[in-house]
Protein backbone atom coordinates (compact mmCIF):
# COMPACT_ATOMS: atom_id res chain seq x y z
CA MET A 1 -0.11 -0.13 -0.13
CA GLU A 2 1.35 3.61 -0.96
CA LEU A 3 1.65 5.78 2.04
CA GLN A 4 -1.00 8.10 0.27
CA ASP A 5 -3.01 5.47 -0.44
CA ALA A 6 -2.76 4.78 3.66
CA ILE A 7 -3.56 8.12 4.40
CA ALA A 8 -6.41 8.79 2.53
CA GLN A 9 -7.98 5.35 3.29
CA ARG A 10 -7.95 5.56 7.00
CA ARG A 11 -10.88 6.58 8.51
CA SER A 12 -12.29 6.30 12.27
CA VAL A 13 -13.91 3.04 12.05
CA LYS A 14 -17.77 3.28 14.38
CA ASN A 15 -19.35 -0.12 13.12
CA PHE A 16 -17.97 -2.61 16.38
CA LYS A 17 -19.15 -5.75 15.17
CA ARG A 18 -19.96 -8.78 17.98
CA ASP A 19 -17.37 -11.16 19.07
CA MET A 20 -14.91 -9.86 17.14
CA THR A 21 -11.13 -10.06 17.65
CA ILE A 22 -8.30 -8.75 16.73
CA ASP A 23 -4.62 -10.35 16.69
CA ASP A 24 -3.06 -8.88 19.50
CA ASN A 25 0.59 -9.68 18.34
CA ALA A 26 -0.04 -7.37 15.16
CA LEU A 27 -1.05 -4.90 17.88
CA TYR A 28 1.66 -4.80 19.64
CA LYS A 29 3.91 -5.02 16.75
CA ALA A 30 2.10 -1.60 15.49
CA ILE A 31 2.44 -0.03 18.82
CA LYS A 32 6.21 -1.29 18.85
CA GLN A 33 6.54 0.12 15.18
CA ALA A 34 4.55 3.75 15.81
CA THR A 35 7.48 4.47 18.23
CA ASP A 36 9.28 5.77 14.55
CA ALA A 37 7.19 8.48 15.15
CA PRO A 38 9.36 12.22 15.62
CA ASN A 39 9.98 13.18 19.48
CA HIS A 40 12.07 15.68 20.25
CA GLY A 41 14.96 14.65 22.60
CA HIS A 42 13.89 10.97 21.81
CA ARG A 43 11.35 11.80 25.38
CA GLU A 44 8.88 9.13 23.96
CA PRO A 45 5.94 10.61 25.86
CA TRP A 46 3.59 8.12 25.08
CA ARG A 47 2.16 4.85 26.67
CA VAL A 48 -0.75 2.68 25.96
CA VAL A 49 -2.74 0.45 28.45
CA HIS A 50 -4.20 -2.31 26.26
CA ILE A 51 -7.42 -3.67 27.68
CA ALA A 52 -7.84 -6.69 25.66
CA LYS A 53 -11.11 -8.04 24.26
CA ASP A 54 -11.72 -10.49 27.80
CA ARG A 55 -11.18 -7.81 30.12
CA LEU A 56 -13.23 -4.97 28.09
CA GLY A 57 -16.59 -6.09 30.33
CA ASP A 58 -14.71 -5.46 33.53
CA MET A 59 -12.99 -1.89 32.39
CA SER A 60 -16.48 -0.69 31.85
CA LYS A 61 -17.98 -1.60 34.50
CA LEU A 62 -15.04 0.33 36.52
CA LEU A 63 -15.24 2.85 34.64
CA THR A 64 -18.93 3.64 34.17
CA LYS A 65 -19.34 3.46 37.98
CA ILE A 66 -17.29 6.45 38.35
CA ALA A 67 -18.46 8.31 35.11
CA PHE A 68 -21.32 7.17 35.11
CA ALA A 69 -22.42 7.16 39.25
CA GLU A 70 -26.23 6.40 39.23
CA GLN A 71 -26.95 6.71 35.57
CA PRO A 72 -27.45 2.94 34.96
CA LYS A 73 -28.71 3.20 31.07
CA LYS A 74 -25.23 4.94 30.23
CA GLN A 75 -23.32 2.11 32.15
CA ALA A 76 -25.63 -0.28 29.97
CA ASP A 77 -24.91 1.64 26.70
CA HIS A 78 -21.33 1.77 27.42
CA TYR A 79 -20.59 -1.66 28.48
CA GLN A 80 -23.01 -2.58 24.90
CA VAL A 81 -20.36 -0.83 23.12
CA VAL A 82 -17.05 -1.45 24.54
CA THR A 83 -17.85 -5.30 24.29
CA ASN A 84 -18.57 -5.32 20.50
CA LEU A 85 -14.84 -4.04 20.24
CA GLY A 86 -12.21 -6.37 19.64
CA GLY A 87 -9.86 -4.53 22.12
CA MET A 88 -9.01 -0.72 22.96
CA LEU A 89 -6.37 1.15 24.42
CA ALA A 90 -5.85 4.18 26.88
CA LEU A 91 -3.82 6.31 25.43
CA ILE A 92 -1.38 8.12 27.64
CA LEU A 93 0.94 11.40 27.18
CA LYS A 94 3.85 12.21 29.27
CA GLU A 95 3.40 16.19 30.30
CA ASP A 96 5.97 18.60 30.79
CA THR A 97 6.24 21.62 33.43
CA LYS A 98 8.21 23.38 30.47
CA GLN A 99 5.89 24.56 28.24
CA LEU A 100 8.33 24.35 25.06
CA ASP A 101 8.39 20.81 26.26
CA SER A 102 4.85 19.99 26.83
CA LEU A 103 4.09 21.52 23.17
CA GLU A 104 6.59 18.50 21.48
CA ASN A 105 5.26 16.05 23.78
CA ASN A 106 2.01 17.01 22.50
CA MET A 107 3.19 16.89 18.93
CA ALA A 108 4.99 13.73 19.01
CA PHE A 109 2.10 11.87 20.82
CA GLY A 110 -0.02 13.14 17.76
CA ALA A 111 2.72 11.62 15.38
CA PHE A 112 2.65 8.15 17.56
CA THR A 113 -0.97 8.35 17.18
CA GLN A 114 -1.39 8.41 13.66
CA ASN A 115 1.61 6.45 13.15
CA LEU A 116 -0.55 3.53 15.34
CA MET A 117 -3.70 4.19 13.10
CA LEU A 118 -1.84 3.64 9.46
CA LEU A 119 -0.13 0.60 10.76
CA LEU A 120 -3.00 -0.79 12.38
CA HIS A 121 -5.22 0.07 9.16
CA GLU A 122 -2.28 -1.47 6.89
CA VAL A 123 -2.80 -5.09 9.21
CA ASN A 124 -6.94 -4.80 8.84
CA ILE A 125 -7.22 -3.34 12.22
CA GLY A 126 -9.91 -0.62 12.39
CA SER A 127 -9.24 2.20 15.13
CA CYS A 128 -11.49 5.28 16.38
CA TRP A 129 -9.46 7.75 18.67
CA LYS A 130 -12.25 8.79 21.62
CA THR A 131 -11.99 11.47 24.06
CA PRO A 132 -14.67 11.68 25.85
CA PRO A 133 -15.29 13.95 28.92
CA TYR A 134 -14.53 11.75 31.91
CA ILE A 135 -10.66 11.51 30.61
CA PHE A 136 -10.23 14.06 33.16
CA ASP A 137 -11.77 12.95 36.27
CA PRO A 138 -9.06 12.20 38.66
CA ASN A 139 -10.56 8.52 39.58
CA ILE A 140 -10.57 7.45 35.86
CA GLU A 141 -7.20 8.59 35.53
CA ALA A 142 -6.48 6.11 38.94
CA LEU A 143 -8.75 3.19 36.66
CA PHE A 144 -5.32 3.72 34.74
CA ASP A 145 -2.48 4.09 37.20
CA LEU A 146 -1.66 7.22 35.78
CA LYS A 147 1.38 8.86 37.11
CA GLU A 148 1.70 12.71 38.49
CA ASP A 149 3.18 14.04 35.25
CA GLU A 150 0.91 11.79 32.86
CA ARG A 151 -2.85 13.10 31.53
CA LEU A 152 -5.31 10.25 29.79
CA VAL A 153 -6.12 11.85 26.63
CA GLY A 154 -8.64 9.36 25.41
CA PHE A 155 -8.84 5.88 23.95
CA LEU A 156 -8.31 3.85 20.66
CA TYR A 157 -10.97 1.55 19.74
CA LEU A 158 -10.51 -1.37 18.06
CA THR A 159 -12.14 -3.32 15.28
CA ASP A 160 -12.81 -4.64 12.19
CA LEU A 161 -12.57 -2.59 8.85
CA GLU A 162 -15.38 -2.32 6.93
CA ASP A 163 -15.31 -3.54 3.54
CA GLU A 164 -16.54 0.34 1.99
CA MET A 165 -15.28 3.38 4.04
CA PRO A 166 -16.55 6.70 2.88
CA TYR A 167 -14.21 9.25 1.44
CA LYS A 168 -14.61 12.75 2.78
CA LYS A 169 -12.96 15.08 0.36
CA ARG A 170 -10.41 17.53 2.50
CA HIS A 171 -10.49 21.15 2.28
CA THR A 172 -7.10 21.89 0.66
CA GLU A 173 -8.16 25.53 -0.15
CA ASN A 174 -6.92 28.12 1.11
CA ILE A 175 -4.56 26.07 3.88
CA ILE A 176 -1.51 27.64 2.32
CA GLN A 177 -0.39 31.24 2.87
CA LYS A 178 2.79 32.97 1.62
CA PHE A 179 4.55 34.79 4.34
């Protein structure tokens, strides 16, 4: 697959098939390969927590007791969605107190995640990056064992690729300005 084809064809997959599985070895290989992302000073400001398919239900029950306390419908809806996945990654960014280093870490993390999603696409694992508001809850952070200098920046849902992925034309006009 040509690089531009991979970039153009990779989409966030939002149809989650029941009882689907993914190849964990392919997943781990993609995660390791994604670390070739540019990162200033080789700080490698990323960490992922893999929630395998057989752990998704337990994770959902713990997470929703915090995120959706006293909301049984939302708890059930979350459980139904995530247990349809083939797995999930909690995406964790190492922060820095220095403004420039923090900016560089954020940019490196984005490059790492884009690499990861492209590499997953290449091995027929679909992905969708989710950033629900509860990622900022300290109790959710504790659930994923975040350290003081880390931030949960979302979840990467892992699933099958759809046969036909619609392509929405990107706006390329007026994005370049000459100095």
